[in-house]
Amino acid sequence: SSPPAASPSAVVVASPTSTPVATTIAPSPTPSGRHV
């Protein structure tokens, strides 16, 4: 998930990306080859 903005009443959460929280999970892991 993405980190919310820091504030006196918020927690900064570790985030792999700087993106907002997704509404749909990303594509399932794919084998090597062409991915669309």
Full PDB file with SEQRES, HELIX, SHEET, SSBOND, CRYST1, ORIGX, SCALE, CONECT and MASTER records, all heavy atoms in Angstrom:
SEQRES   1 A   36  SER SER PRO PRO ALA ALA SER PRO SER ALA VAL VAL VAL          
SEQRES   2 A   36  ALA SER PRO THR SER THR PRO VAL ALA THR THR ILE ALA          
SEQRES   3 A   36  PRO SER PRO THR PRO SER GLY ARG HIS VAL                      
CRYST1    1.000    1.000    1.000  90.00  90.00  90.00 P 1           1          
ORIGX1      1.000000  0.000000  0.000000        0.00000                         
ORIGX2      0.000000  1.000000  0.000000        0.00000                         
ORIGX3      0.000000  0.000000  1.000000        0.00000                         
SCALE1      1.000000  0.000000  0.000000        0.00000                         
SCALE2      0.000000  1.000000  0.000000        0.00000                         
SCALE3      0.000000  0.000000  1.000000        0.00000                         
ATOM      1  N   SER A   1       0.824  -1.182   0.000  1.00  0.00           N  
ATOM      2  CA  SER A   1       0.000   0.000   0.000  1.00  0.00           C  
ATOM      3  C   SER A   1       0.856   1.226   0.000  1.00  0.00           C  
ATOM      4  O   SER A   1       2.039   1.185   0.220  1.00  0.00           O  
ATOM      5  CB  SER A   1      -0.928   0.010   1.197  1.00  0.00           C  
ATOM      6  OG  SER A   1      -0.170   0.132   2.375  1.00  0.00           O  
ATOM      7  N   SER A   2       0.220   2.389  -0.155  1.00  0.00           N  
ATOM      8  CA  SER A   2       0.991   3.606  -0.252  1.00  0.00           C  
ATOM      9  C   SER A   2       0.977   4.358   1.053  1.00  0.00           C  
ATOM     10  O   SER A   2       0.071   4.231   1.849  1.00  0.00           O  
ATOM     11  CB  SER A   2       0.419   4.484  -1.342  1.00  0.00           C  
ATOM     12  OG  SER A   2      -0.908   4.784  -1.041  1.00  0.00           O  
ATOM     13  N   PRO A   3       1.993   5.192   1.298  1.00  0.00           N  
ATOM     14  CA  PRO A   3       2.060   5.896   2.559  1.00  0.00           C  
ATOM     15  C   PRO A   3       1.130   7.085   2.591  1.00  0.00           C  
ATOM     16  O   PRO A   3       1.123   7.904   1.688  1.00  0.00           O  
ATOM     17  CB  PRO A   3       3.514   6.366   2.618  1.00  0.00           C  
ATOM     18  CG  PRO A   3       3.927   6.472   1.201  1.00  0.00           C  
ATOM     19  CD  PRO A   3       3.139   5.451   0.443  1.00  0.00           C  
ATOM     20  N   PRO A   4       0.294   7.200   3.644  1.00  0.00           N  
ATOM     21  CA  PRO A   4      -0.478   8.418   3.784  1.00  0.00           C  
ATOM     22  C   PRO A   4       0.431   9.569   4.167  1.00  0.00           C  
ATOM     23  O   PRO A   4       1.532   9.356   4.651  1.00  0.00           O  
ATOM     24  CB  PRO A   4      -1.463   8.085   4.915  1.00  0.00           C  
ATOM     25  CG  PRO A   4      -0.798   7.007   5.686  1.00  0.00           C  
ATOM     26  CD  PRO A   4       0.051   6.243   4.710  1.00  0.00           C  
ATOM     27  N   ALA A   5      -0.040  10.773   3.981  1.00  0.00           N  
ATOM     28  CA  ALA A   5       0.777  11.925   4.339  1.00  0.00           C  
ATOM     29  C   ALA A   5       1.001  11.967   5.837  1.00  0.00           C  
ATOM     30  O   ALA A   5       0.102  11.709   6.629  1.00  0.00           O  
ATOM     31  CB  ALA A   5       0.082  13.215   3.884  1.00  0.00           C  
ATOM     32  N   ALA A   6       2.213  12.298   6.247  1.00  0.00           N  
ATOM     33  CA  ALA A   6       2.530  12.365   7.660  1.00  0.00           C  
ATOM     34  C   ALA A   6       1.802  13.529   8.301  1.00  0.00           C  
ATOM     35  O   ALA A   6       1.722  14.618   7.767  1.00  0.00           O  
ATOM     36  CB  ALA A   6       4.029  12.520   7.839  1.00  0.00           C  
ATOM     37  N   SER A   7       1.252  13.295   9.482  1.00  0.00           N  
ATOM     38  CA  SER A   7       0.587  14.337  10.237  1.00  0.00           C  
ATOM     39  C   SER A   7       0.652  13.957  11.701  1.00  0.00           C  
ATOM     40  O   SER A   7       1.002  12.834  12.047  1.00  0.00           O  
ATOM     41  CB  SER A   7      -0.879  14.465   9.799  1.00  0.00           C  
ATOM     42  OG  SER A   7      -1.625  13.354  10.236  1.00  0.00           O  
ATOM     43  N   PRO A   8       0.271  14.874  12.616  1.00  0.00           N  
ATOM     44  CA  PRO A   8       0.343  14.535  14.036  1.00  0.00           C  
ATOM     45  C   PRO A   8      -0.529  13.353  14.417  1.00  0.00           C  
ATOM     46  O   PRO A   8      -0.338  12.757  15.459  1.00  0.00           O  
ATOM     47  CB  PRO A   8      -0.138  15.831  14.702  1.00  0.00           C  
ATOM     48  CG  PRO A   8       0.186  16.897  13.719  1.00  0.00           C  
ATOM     49  CD  PRO A   8      -0.038  16.273  12.388  1.00  0.00           C  
ATOM     50  N   SER A   9      -1.516  13.001  13.587  1.00  0.00           N  
ATOM     51  CA  SER A   9      -2.404  11.905  13.952  1.00  0.00           C  
ATOM     52  C   SER A   9      -2.343  10.757  12.966  1.00  0.00           C  
ATOM     53  O   SER A   9      -3.248   9.956  12.894  1.00  0.00           O  
ATOM     54  CB  SER A   9      -3.848  12.416  14.034  1.00  0.00           C  
ATOM     55  OG  SER A   9      -4.256  12.929  12.788  1.00  0.00           O  
ATOM     56  N   ALA A  10      -1.288  10.685  12.202  1.00  0.00           N  
ATOM     57  CA  ALA A  10      -1.209   9.640  11.178  1.00  0.00           C  
ATOM     58  C   ALA A  10       0.039   8.818  11.358  1.00  0.00           C  
ATOM     59  O   ALA A  10       0.992   9.227  11.996  1.00  0.00           O  
ATOM     60  CB  ALA A  10      -1.226  10.260   9.783  1.00  0.00           C  
ATOM     61  N   VAL A  11       0.006   7.627  10.775  1.00  0.00           N  
ATOM     62  CA  VAL A  11       1.182   6.779  10.762  1.00  0.00           C  
ATOM     63  C   VAL A  11       1.722   6.735   9.345  1.00  0.00           C  
ATOM     64  O   VAL A  11       0.968   6.685   8.390  1.00  0.00           O  
ATOM     65  CB  VAL A  11       0.842   5.357  11.244  1.00  0.00           C  
ATOM     66  CG1 VAL A  11      -0.204   4.709  10.375  1.00  0.00           C  
ATOM     67  CG2 VAL A  11       2.087   4.496  11.259  1.00  0.00           C  
ATOM     68  N   VAL A  12       3.010   6.779   9.210  1.00  0.00           N  
ATOM     69  CA  VAL A  12       3.642   6.648   7.899  1.00  0.00           C  
ATOM     70  C   VAL A  12       3.944   5.186   7.686  1.00  0.00           C  
ATOM     71  O   VAL A  12       4.728   4.604   8.420  1.00  0.00           O  
ATOM     72  CB  VAL A  12       4.931   7.486   7.817  1.00  0.00           C  
ATOM     73  CG1 VAL A  12       5.583   7.306   6.464  1.00  0.00           C  
ATOM     74  CG2 VAL A  12       4.604   8.952   8.073  1.00  0.00           C  
ATOM     75  N   VAL A  13       3.330   4.580   6.697  1.00  0.00           N  
ATOM     76  CA  VAL A  13       3.430   3.146   6.484  1.00  0.00           C  
ATOM     77  C   VAL A  13       4.435   2.856   5.386  1.00  0.00           C  
ATOM     78  O   VAL A  13       4.432   3.521   4.349  1.00  0.00           O  
ATOM     79  CB  VAL A  13       2.054   2.564   6.100  1.00  0.00           C  
ATOM     80  CG1 VAL A  13       2.145   1.063   5.923  1.00  0.00           C  
ATOM     81  CG2 VAL A  13       1.031   2.923   7.154  1.00  0.00           C  
ATOM     82  N   ALA A  14       5.271   1.871   5.598  1.00  0.00           N  
ATOM     83  CA  ALA A  14       6.240   1.493   4.572  1.00  0.00           C  
ATOM     84  C   ALA A  14       5.514   1.131   3.297  1.00  0.00           C  
ATOM     85  O   ALA A  14       4.506   0.457   3.321  1.00  0.00           O  
ATOM     86  CB  ALA A  14       7.070   0.309   5.041  1.00  0.00           C  
ATOM     87  N   SER A  15       6.038   1.561   2.192  1.00  0.00           N  
ATOM     88  CA  SER A  15       5.364   1.343   0.924  1.00  0.00           C  
ATOM     89  C   SER A  15       6.343   1.012  -0.181  1.00  0.00           C  
ATOM     90  O   SER A  15       7.287   1.746  -0.414  1.00  0.00           O  
ATOM     91  CB  SER A  15       4.585   2.598   0.520  1.00  0.00           C  
ATOM     92  OG  SER A  15       4.083   2.464  -0.776  1.00  0.00           O  
ATOM     93  N   PRO A  16       6.103  -0.083  -0.890  1.00  0.00           N  
ATOM     94  CA  PRO A  16       6.957  -0.387  -2.019  1.00  0.00           C  
ATOM     95  C   PRO A  16       6.846   0.629  -3.138  1.00  0.00           C  
ATOM     96  O   PRO A  16       7.775   0.828  -3.898  1.00  0.00           O  
ATOM     97  CB  PRO A  16       6.450  -1.755  -2.478  1.00  0.00           C  
ATOM     98  CG  PRO A  16       5.778  -2.329  -1.292  1.00  0.00           C  
ATOM     99  CD  PRO A  16       5.186  -1.155  -0.573  1.00  0.00           C  
ATOM    100  N   THR A  17       5.689   1.265  -3.312  1.00  0.00           N  
ATOM    101  CA  THR A  17       5.538   2.224  -4.378  1.00  0.00           C  
ATOM    102  C   THR A  17       4.984   3.514  -3.832  1.00  0.00           C  
ATOM    103  O   THR A  17       4.511   3.587  -2.722  1.00  0.00           O  
ATOM    104  CB  THR A  17       4.580   1.704  -5.470  1.00  0.00           C  
ATOM    105  OG1 THR A  17       3.246   1.751  -4.959  1.00  0.00           O  
ATOM    106  CG2 THR A  17       4.926   0.294  -5.888  1.00  0.00           C  
ATOM    107  N   SER A  18       5.004   4.524  -4.657  1.00  0.00           N  
ATOM    108  CA  SER A  18       4.440   5.806  -4.279  1.00  0.00           C  
ATOM    109  C   SER A  18       3.021   5.953  -4.799  1.00  0.00           C  
ATOM    110  O   SER A  18       2.485   7.037  -4.856  1.00  0.00           O  
ATOM    111  CB  SER A  18       5.293   6.941  -4.849  1.00  0.00           C  
ATOM    112  OG  SER A  18       5.363   6.838  -6.252  1.00  0.00           O  
ATOM    113  N   THR A  19       2.389   4.857  -5.147  1.00  0.00           N  
ATOM    114  CA  THR A  19       1.070   4.904  -5.741  1.00  0.00           C  
ATOM    115  C   THR A  19      -0.009   4.874  -4.691  1.00  0.00           C  
ATOM    116  O   THR A  19       0.178   4.386  -3.586  1.00  0.00           O  
ATOM    117  CB  THR A  19       0.867   3.698  -6.680  1.00  0.00           C  
ATOM    118  OG1 THR A  19       0.853   2.522  -5.900  1.00  0.00           O  
ATOM    119  CG2 THR A  19       1.963   3.629  -7.704  1.00  0.00           C  
ATOM    120  N   PRO A  20      -1.221   5.385  -5.027  1.00  0.00           N  
ATOM    121  CA  PRO A  20      -2.349   5.234  -4.120  1.00  0.00           C  
ATOM    122  C   PRO A  20      -2.719   3.771  -3.970  1.00  0.00           C  
ATOM    123  O   PRO A  20      -2.341   2.922  -4.772  1.00  0.00           O  
ATOM    124  CB  PRO A  20      -3.468   6.017  -4.826  1.00  0.00           C  
ATOM    125  CG  PRO A  20      -2.771   6.915  -5.795  1.00  0.00           C  
ATOM    126  CD  PRO A  20      -1.531   6.175  -6.209  1.00  0.00           C  
ATOM    127  N   VAL A  21      -3.523   3.468  -2.955  1.00  0.00           N  
ATOM    128  CA  VAL A  21      -3.975   2.098  -2.738  1.00  0.00           C  
ATOM    129  C   VAL A  21      -4.801   1.650  -3.921  1.00  0.00           C  
ATOM    130  O   VAL A  21      -5.650   2.378  -4.419  1.00  0.00           O  
ATOM    131  CB  VAL A  21      -4.821   2.022  -1.458  1.00  0.00           C  
ATOM    132  CG1 VAL A  21      -5.372   0.620  -1.267  1.00  0.00           C  
ATOM    133  CG2 VAL A  21      -3.984   2.429  -0.256  1.00  0.00           C  
ATOM    134  N   ALA A  22      -4.565   0.454  -4.397  1.00  0.00           N  
ATOM    135  CA  ALA A  22      -5.249  -0.023  -5.589  1.00  0.00           C  
ATOM    136  C   ALA A  22      -6.668  -0.452  -5.284  1.00  0.00           C  
ATOM    137  O   ALA A  22      -6.983  -0.883  -4.190  1.00  0.00           O  
ATOM    138  CB  ALA A  22      -4.482  -1.198  -6.184  1.00  0.00           C  
ATOM    139  N   THR A  23      -7.552  -0.324  -6.274  1.00  0.00           N  
ATOM    140  CA  THR A  23      -8.907  -0.836  -6.138  1.00  0.00           C  
ATOM    141  C   THR A  23      -9.028  -2.220  -6.761  1.00  0.00           C  
ATOM    142  O   THR A  23      -9.988  -2.924  -6.522  1.00  0.00           O  
ATOM    143  CB  THR A  23      -9.908   0.099  -6.826  1.00  0.00           C  
ATOM    144  OG1 THR A  23      -9.522   0.270  -8.188  1.00  0.00           O  
ATOM    145  CG2 THR A  23      -9.926   1.456  -6.142  1.00  0.00           C  
ATOM    146  N   THR A  24      -8.089  -2.580  -7.580  1.00  0.00           N  
ATOM    147  CA  THR A  24      -8.094  -3.889  -8.220  1.00  0.00           C  
ATOM    148  C   THR A  24      -6.689  -4.442  -8.139  1.00  0.00           C  
ATOM    149  O   THR A  24      -5.731  -3.752  -8.426  1.00  0.00           O  
ATOM    150  CB  THR A  24      -8.501  -3.776  -9.704  1.00  0.00           C  
ATOM    151  OG1 THR A  24      -9.781  -3.150  -9.783  1.00  0.00           O  
ATOM    152  CG2 THR A  24      -8.538  -5.142 -10.361  1.00  0.00           C  
ATOM    153  N   ILE A  25      -6.560  -5.702  -7.734  1.00  0.00           N  
ATOM    154  CA  ILE A  25      -5.212  -6.244  -7.617  1.00  0.00           C  
ATOM    155  C   ILE A  25      -4.590  -6.364  -8.996  1.00  0.00           C  
ATOM    156  O   ILE A  25      -5.266  -6.493 -10.005  1.00  0.00           O  
ATOM    157  CB  ILE A  25      -5.214  -7.614  -6.902  1.00  0.00           C  
ATOM    158  CG1 ILE A  25      -6.112  -8.627  -7.621  1.00  0.00           C  
ATOM    159  CG2 ILE A  25      -5.591  -7.489  -5.472  1.00  0.00           C  
ATOM    160  CD1 ILE A  25      -6.061  -9.994  -6.998  1.00  0.00           C  
ATOM    161  N   ALA A  26      -3.288  -6.285  -8.999  1.00  0.00           N  
ATOM    162  CA  ALA A  26      -2.544  -6.302 -10.249  1.00  0.00           C  
ATOM    163  C   ALA A  26      -2.622  -7.665 -10.905  1.00  0.00           C  
ATOM    164  O   ALA A  26      -3.089  -8.635 -10.310  1.00  0.00           O  
ATOM    165  CB  ALA A  26      -1.089  -5.943  -9.962  1.00  0.00           C  
ATOM    166  N   PRO A  27      -2.170  -7.774 -12.145  1.00  0.00           N  
ATOM    167  CA  PRO A  27      -2.186  -9.073 -12.818  1.00  0.00           C  
ATOM    168  C   PRO A  27      -1.443 -10.127 -12.016  1.00  0.00           C  
ATOM    169  O   PRO A  27      -0.490  -9.824 -11.308  1.00  0.00           O  
ATOM    170  CB  PRO A  27      -1.470  -8.783 -14.144  1.00  0.00           C  
ATOM    171  CG  PRO A  27      -1.623  -7.318 -14.357  1.00  0.00           C  
ATOM    172  CD  PRO A  27      -1.644  -6.711 -12.993  1.00  0.00           C  
ATOM    173  N   SER A  28      -1.902 -11.356 -12.104  1.00  0.00           N  
ATOM    174  CA  SER A  28      -1.236 -12.439 -11.406  1.00  0.00           C  
ATOM    175  C   SER A  28       0.182 -12.605 -11.934  1.00  0.00           C  
ATOM    176  O   SER A  28       0.487 -12.213 -13.062  1.00  0.00           O  
ATOM    177  CB  SER A  28      -2.009 -13.748 -11.608  1.00  0.00           C  
ATOM    178  OG  SER A  28      -3.304 -13.631 -11.069  1.00  0.00           O  
ATOM    179  N   PRO A  29       1.062 -13.189 -11.108  1.00  0.00           N  
ATOM    180  CA  PRO A  29       2.435 -13.400 -11.579  1.00  0.00           C  
ATOM    181  C   PRO A  29       2.440 -14.129 -12.916  1.00  0.00           C  
ATOM    182  O   PRO A  29       1.688 -15.065 -13.136  1.00  0.00           O  
ATOM    183  CB  PRO A  29       3.050 -14.247 -10.469  1.00  0.00           C  
ATOM    184  CG  PRO A  29       2.249 -13.907  -9.251  1.00  0.00           C  
ATOM    185  CD  PRO A  29       0.853 -13.662  -9.748  1.00  0.00           C  
ATOM    186  N   THR A  30       3.289 -13.680 -13.829  1.00  0.00           N  
ATOM    187  CA  THR A  30       3.312 -14.261 -15.161  1.00  0.00           C  
ATOM    188  C   THR A  30       4.632 -14.967 -15.397  1.00  0.00           C  
ATOM    189  O   THR A  30       5.654 -14.614 -14.825  1.00  0.00           O  
ATOM    190  CB  THR A  30       3.153 -13.169 -16.222  1.00  0.00           C  
ATOM    191  OG1 THR A  30       4.193 -12.204 -16.038  1.00  0.00           O  
ATOM    192  CG2 THR A  30       1.811 -12.485 -16.110  1.00  0.00           C  
ATOM    193  N   PRO A  31       4.638 -15.978 -16.238  1.00  0.00           N  
ATOM    194  CA  PRO A  31       5.899 -16.623 -16.594  1.00  0.00           C  
ATOM    195  C   PRO A  31       6.718 -15.722 -17.495  1.00  0.00           C  
ATOM    196  O   PRO A  31       6.238 -14.702 -17.990  1.00  0.00           O  
ATOM    197  CB  PRO A  31       5.438 -17.886 -17.326  1.00  0.00           C  
ATOM    198  CG  PRO A  31       4.119 -17.501 -17.907  1.00  0.00           C  
ATOM    199  CD  PRO A  31       3.480 -16.572 -16.905  1.00  0.00           C  
ATOM    200  N   SER A  32       7.962 -16.109 -17.716  1.00  0.00           N  
ATOM    201  CA  SER A  32       8.801 -15.334 -18.621  1.00  0.00           C  
ATOM    202  C   SER A  32       8.170 -15.301 -20.004  1.00  0.00           C  
ATOM    203  O   SER A  32       7.513 -16.238 -20.435  1.00  0.00           O  
ATOM    204  CB  SER A  32      10.194 -15.958 -18.688  1.00  0.00           C  
ATOM    205  OG  SER A  32      10.791 -15.962 -17.414  1.00  0.00           O  
ATOM    206  N   GLY A  33       8.373 -14.196 -20.725  1.00  0.00           N  
ATOM    207  CA  GLY A  33       7.804 -14.049 -22.050  1.00  0.00           C  
ATOM    208  C   GLY A  33       7.170 -12.684 -22.182  1.00  0.00           C  
ATOM    209  O   GLY A  33       7.494 -11.756 -21.450  1.00  0.00           O  
ATOM    210  N   ARG A  34       6.274 -12.542 -23.130  1.00  0.00           N  
ATOM    211  CA  ARG A  34       5.631 -11.257 -23.386  1.00  0.00           C  
ATOM    212  C   ARG A  34       4.485 -11.040 -22.409  1.00  0.00           C  
ATOM    213  O   ARG A  34       3.576 -11.868 -22.299  1.00  0.00           O  
ATOM    214  CB  ARG A  34       5.118 -11.223 -24.815  1.00  0.00           C  
ATOM    215  CG  ARG A  34       4.785  -9.822 -25.327  1.00  0.00           C  
ATOM    216  CD  ARG A  34       6.019  -8.986 -25.473  1.00  0.00           C  
ATOM    217  NE  ARG A  34       5.726  -7.656 -26.065  1.00  0.00           N  
ATOM    218  CZ  ARG A  34       6.575  -6.657 -26.040  1.00  0.00           C  
ATOM    219  NH1 ARG A  34       7.765  -6.805 -25.463  1.00  0.00           N  
ATOM    220  NH2 ARG A  34       6.264  -5.496 -26.601  1.00  0.00           N  
ATOM    221  N   HIS A  35       4.518  -9.939 -21.701  1.00  0.00           N  
ATOM    222  CA  HIS A  35       3.468  -9.597 -20.740  1.00  0.00           C  
ATOM    223  C   HIS A  35       2.756  -8.352 -21.221  1.00  0.00           C  
ATOM    224  O   HIS A  35       3.388  -7.371 -21.621  1.00  0.00           O  
ATOM    225  CB  HIS A  35       4.074  -9.349 -19.357  1.00  0.00           C  
ATOM    226  CG  HIS A  35       3.125  -8.673 -18.407  1.00  0.00           C  
ATOM    227  ND1 HIS A  35       2.048  -9.316 -17.851  1.00  0.00           N  
ATOM    228  CD2 HIS A  35       3.086  -7.393 -17.936  1.00  0.00           C  
ATOM    229  CE1 HIS A  35       1.389  -8.474 -17.063  1.00  0.00           C  
ATOM    230  NE2 HIS A  35       1.997  -7.305 -17.099  1.00  0.00           N  
ATOM    231  N   VAL A  36       1.428  -8.371 -21.198  1.00  0.00           N  
ATOM    232  CA  VAL A  36       0.612  -7.235 -21.605  1.00  0.00           C  
ATOM    233  C   VAL A  36      -0.259  -6.800 -20.437  1.00  0.00           C  
ATOM    234  O   VAL A  36      -0.944  -7.625 -19.826  1.00  0.00           O  
ATOM    235  CB  VAL A  36      -0.278  -7.577 -22.816  1.00  0.00           C  
ATOM    236  CG1 VAL A  36      -1.127  -6.373 -23.216  1.00  0.00           C  
ATOM    237  CG2 VAL A  36       0.560  -8.048 -23.992  1.00  0.00           C  
TER     238      VAL A  36                                                      
MASTER        0    0    0    0    0    0    0    6  237    1    0    3          
END                                                                             
